[in-house]
Amino acid sequence: MSDTYGEWLKTQREAAGLTPQELADRAIITRSHISHIEAG
């Protein structure tokens, strides 16, 4: 199990085959925001 939400999110995003940009587009937020979340 991941230690942080960011680690979990990255694992789930990668398992879904999505790039950070693709996830950001689907979530209607910026790629930068996804990167910040994943970095913790």
C-alpha atoms as a PDB file:
ATOM      1  CA  MET A   1       0.000   0.000   0.000  1.00  0.00           C
ATOM      2  CA  SER A   2       1.228   3.497  -0.807  1.00  0.00           C
ATOM      3  CA  ASP A   3       2.297   5.777   2.006  1.00  0.00           C
ATOM      4  CA  THR A   4       0.764   8.938   0.596  1.00  0.00           C
ATOM      5  CA  TYR A   5      -2.180   9.974  -1.533  1.00  0.00           C
ATOM      6  CA  GLY A   6       0.263  11.229  -4.166  1.00  0.00           C
ATOM      7  CA  GLU A   7       1.970   7.848  -4.429  1.00  0.00           C
ATOM      8  CA  TRP A   8      -1.399   6.125  -4.643  1.00  0.00           C
ATOM      9  CA  LEU A   9      -2.593   8.540  -7.333  1.00  0.00           C
ATOM     10  CA  LYS A  10       0.523   7.980  -9.445  1.00  0.00           C
ATOM     11  CA  THR A  11       0.172   4.206  -9.125  1.00  0.00           C
ATOM     12  CA  GLN A  12      -3.478   4.357 -10.165  1.00  0.00           C
ATOM     13  CA  ARG A  13      -2.770   6.778 -13.035  1.00  0.00           C
ATOM     14  CA  GLU A  14      -0.003   4.564 -14.384  1.00  0.00           C
ATOM     15  CA  ALA A  15      -2.151   1.417 -14.013  1.00  0.00           C
ATOM     16  CA  ALA A  16      -4.819   3.159 -16.094  1.00  0.00           C
ATOM     17  CA  GLY A  17      -2.213   3.941 -18.749  1.00  0.00           C
ATOM     18  CA  LEU A  18      -2.630   7.696 -18.414  1.00  0.00           C
ATOM     19  CA  THR A  19      -0.012  10.393 -18.634  1.00  0.00           C
ATOM     20  CA  PRO A  20      -0.142  13.238 -16.129  1.00  0.00           C
ATOM     21  CA  GLN A  21      -1.531  15.458 -18.903  1.00  0.00           C
ATOM     22  CA  GLU A  22      -4.286  12.989 -19.780  1.00  0.00           C
ATOM     23  CA  LEU A  23      -5.346  12.721 -16.135  1.00  0.00           C
ATOM     24  CA  ALA A  24      -5.275  16.501 -15.774  1.00  0.00           C
ATOM     25  CA  ASP A  25      -7.466  16.901 -18.849  1.00  0.00           C
ATOM     26  CA  ARG A  26      -9.983  14.410 -17.476  1.00  0.00           C
ATOM     27  CA  ALA A  27      -9.976  16.022 -14.024  1.00  0.00           C
ATOM     28  CA  ILE A  28     -10.152  19.546 -15.521  1.00  0.00           C
ATOM     29  CA  ILE A  29      -7.052  20.723 -13.646  1.00  0.00           C
ATOM     30  CA  THR A  30      -3.525  21.536 -14.757  1.00  0.00           C
ATOM     31  CA  ARG A  31      -0.767  19.000 -15.338  1.00  0.00           C
ATOM     32  CA  SER A  32       1.289  21.012 -12.870  1.00  0.00           C
ATOM     33  CA  HIS A  33      -1.337  20.397 -10.186  1.00  0.00           C
ATOM     34  CA  ILE A  34      -1.210  16.638 -10.841  1.00  0.00           C
ATOM     35  CA  SER A  35       2.575  16.753 -10.524  1.00  0.00           C
ATOM     36  CA  HIS A  36       2.365  18.629  -7.229  1.00  0.00           C
ATOM     37  CA  ILE A  37      -0.120  16.109  -5.838  1.00  0.00           C
ATOM     38  CA  GLU A  38       1.989  13.157  -6.906  1.00  0.00           C
ATOM     39  CA  ALA A  39       5.118  14.745  -5.408  1.00  0.00           C
ATOM     40  CA  GLY A  40       3.362  15.081  -2.071  1.00  0.00           C
END
